C-alpha atoms as a PDB file:
ATOM      1  CA  MET A   1     -61.188  41.126  35.380  1.00  0.00           C
ATOM      2  CA  SER A   2     -57.506  42.058  35.650  1.00  0.00           C
ATOM      3  CA  THR A   3     -56.025  44.100  38.455  1.00  0.00           C
ATOM      4  CA  LEU A   4     -53.343  46.661  37.725  1.00  0.00           C
ATOM      5  CA  PHE A   5     -50.683  47.292  40.304  1.00  0.00           C
ATOM      6  CA  THR A   6     -48.661  50.466  40.426  1.00  0.00           C
ATOM      7  CA  ARG A   7     -45.043  50.076  41.355  1.00  0.00           C
ATOM      8  CA  LYS A   8     -43.896  51.846  44.452  1.00  0.00           C
ATOM      9  CA  LYS A   9     -41.166  54.332  43.617  1.00  0.00           C
ATOM     10  CA  MET A  10     -37.836  53.917  45.342  1.00  0.00           C
ATOM     11  CA  GLY A  11     -36.127  56.634  47.339  1.00  0.00           C
ATOM     12  CA  ARG A  12     -37.278  59.565  49.388  1.00  0.00           C
ATOM     13  CA  PRO A  13     -40.701  61.060  48.751  1.00  0.00           C
ATOM     14  CA  ARG A  14     -40.756  64.457  47.100  1.00  0.00           C
ATOM     15  CA  VAL A  15     -41.144  67.429  49.437  1.00  0.00           C
ATOM     16  CA  GLU A  16     -41.444  71.156  48.918  1.00  0.00           C
ATOM     17  CA  SER A  17     -37.939  72.122  49.990  1.00  0.00           C
ATOM     18  CA  GLU A  18     -34.631  73.372  48.722  1.00  0.00           C
ATOM     19  CA  GLU A  19     -31.176  72.267  49.776  1.00  0.00           C
ATOM     20  CA  ILE A  20     -28.895  74.897  51.254  1.00  0.00           C
ATOM     21  CA  ARG A  21     -25.211  74.511  51.970  1.00  0.00           C
ATOM     22  CA  SER A  22     -23.150  76.523  54.381  1.00  0.00           C
ATOM     23  CA  ARG A  23     -19.722  76.449  55.932  1.00  0.00           C
ATOM     24  CA  VAL A  24     -19.790  76.602  59.726  1.00  0.00           C
ATOM     25  CA  GLN A  25     -16.804  77.385  61.936  1.00  0.00           C
ATOM     26  CA  GLN A  26     -15.839  74.776  64.502  1.00  0.00           C
ATOM     27  CA  PRO A  27     -17.101  76.545  67.672  1.00  0.00           C
ATOM     28  CA  LEU A  28     -20.561  77.014  66.152  1.00  0.00           C
ATOM     29  CA  LEU A  29     -20.556  73.476  64.778  1.00  0.00           C
ATOM     30  CA  GLY A  30     -19.661  72.149  68.235  1.00  0.00           C
ATOM     31  CA  GLY A  31     -22.618  74.018  69.701  1.00  0.00           C
ATOM     32  CA  LEU A  32     -24.917  72.695  66.988  1.00  0.00           C
ATOM     33  CA  ASP A  33     -23.744  69.122  67.573  1.00  0.00           C
ATOM     34  CA  ALA A  34     -24.179  69.482  71.349  1.00  0.00           C
ATOM     35  CA  TRP A  35     -27.712  70.841  70.880  1.00  0.00           C
ATOM     36  CA  ALA A  36     -28.554  68.016  68.466  1.00  0.00           C
ATOM     37  CA  GLU A  37     -27.222  65.396  70.877  1.00  0.00           C
ATOM     38  CA  ALA A  38     -29.089  66.931  73.834  1.00  0.00           C
ATOM     39  CA  HIS A  39     -32.320  66.681  71.848  1.00  0.00           C
ATOM     40  CA  GLY A  40     -31.584  63.264  70.333  1.00  0.00           C
ATOM     41  CA  ILE A  41     -31.836  64.458  66.751  1.00  0.00           C
ATOM     42  CA  PRO A  42     -29.490  64.545  63.739  1.00  0.00           C
ATOM     43  CA  ARG A  43     -27.410  67.649  62.995  1.00  0.00           C
ATOM     44  CA  ALA A  44     -29.520  68.638  59.965  1.00  0.00           C
ATOM     45  CA  GLU A  45     -32.758  68.522  61.982  1.00  0.00           C
ATOM     46  CA  ALA A  46     -31.104  70.540  64.770  1.00  0.00           C
ATOM     47  CA  ALA A  47     -30.086  73.200  62.236  1.00  0.00           C
ATOM     48  CA  ARG A  48     -33.646  73.362  60.859  1.00  0.00           C
ATOM     49  CA  ARG A  49     -35.145  73.706  64.350  1.00  0.00           C
ATOM     50  CA  LEU A  50     -32.660  76.371  65.428  1.00  0.00           C
ATOM     51  CA  ILE A  51     -33.318  78.376  62.253  1.00  0.00           C
ATOM     52  CA  ASP A  52     -37.042  78.070  62.944  1.00  0.00           C
ATOM     53  CA  LEU A  53     -36.535  79.251  66.555  1.00  0.00           C
ATOM     54  CA  GLY A  54     -34.375  82.149  65.409  1.00  0.00           C
ATOM     55  CA  LEU A  55     -36.975  83.286  62.884  1.00  0.00           C
ATOM     56  CA  ALA A  56     -39.725  83.062  65.516  1.00  0.00           C
ATOM     57  CA  ALA A  57     -37.600  85.152  67.913  1.00  0.00           C
ATOM     58  CA  TYR A  58     -36.960  87.693  65.143  1.00  0.00           C
ATOM     59  CA  GLU A  59     -40.689  87.892  64.393  1.00  0.00           C
ATOM     60  CA  PHE A  60     -41.355  88.531  68.098  1.00  0.00           C
ATOM     61  CA  ALA A  61     -38.690  91.257  68.250  1.00  0.00           C
ATOM     62  CA  GLN A  62     -40.081  92.961  65.141  1.00  0.00           C
ATOM     63  CA  ALA A  63     -43.748  92.892  66.205  1.00  0.00           C
ATOM     64  CA  SER A  64     -45.117  96.418  66.324  1.00  0.00           C
ATOM     65  CA  SER A  65     -48.560  96.019  67.862  1.00  0.00           C
ATOM     66  CA  GLU A  66     -49.642  94.279  71.059  1.00  0.00           C
ATOM     67  CA  ILE A  67     -51.706  91.776  69.032  1.00  0.00           C
ATOM     68  CA  ASP A  68     -48.717  90.960  66.819  1.00  0.00           C
ATOM     69  CA  ARG A  69     -46.469  90.610  69.883  1.00  0.00           C
ATOM     70  CA  ASP A  70     -48.935  88.253  71.575  1.00  0.00           C
ATOM     71  CA  ARG A  71     -49.215  86.147  68.419  1.00  0.00           C
ATOM     72  CA  ALA A  72     -45.427  86.079  67.945  1.00  0.00           C
ATOM     73  CA  ARG A  73     -44.875  85.309  71.654  1.00  0.00           C
ATOM     74  CA  SER A  74     -47.268  82.345  71.472  1.00  0.00           C
ATOM     75  CA  LYS A  75     -45.553  81.051  68.345  1.00  0.00           C
ATOM     76  CA  LEU A  76     -42.104  81.401  69.918  1.00  0.00           C
ATOM     77  CA  LEU A  77     -43.147  79.692  73.158  1.00  0.00           C
ATOM     78  CA  GLU A  78     -44.708  76.838  71.177  1.00  0.00           C
ATOM     79  CA  LYS A  79     -41.499  76.334  69.224  1.00  0.00           C
ATOM     80  CA  LEU A  80     -39.412  76.493  72.401  1.00  0.00           C
ATOM     81  CA  GLY A  81     -41.642  73.859  73.962  1.00  0.00           C
ATOM     82  CA  GLN A  82     -41.239  71.625  70.907  1.00  0.00           C
ATOM     83  CA  SER A  83     -37.466  71.958  71.007  1.00  0.00           C
ATOM     84  CA  ARG A  84     -37.334  71.077  74.701  1.00  0.00           C
ATOM     85  CA  ALA A  85     -39.593  68.069  74.224  1.00  0.00           C
ATOM     86  CA  GLY A  86     -37.345  66.818  71.418  1.00  0.00           C
ATOM     87  CA  SER A  87     -40.291  66.461  69.036  1.00  0.00           C
END
């Protein structure tokens, strides 16, 4: 009986994502780099986390009912905790 081996593909695994590019002025870039360094993560990961935090804060601000506010508050606090822990 013969055994077939599948070759492992080289490179990064495929993920459901899309690349975005943006120009950032120096003061904002300095803040981003400082935040990334404080959390021990690369600049790109810092940008992703800060976008995620900003969207969670926006969702909290836009919540119209008490249930929605509680849900959005919990989500925002969870994300803030993750950013402080550096995970």
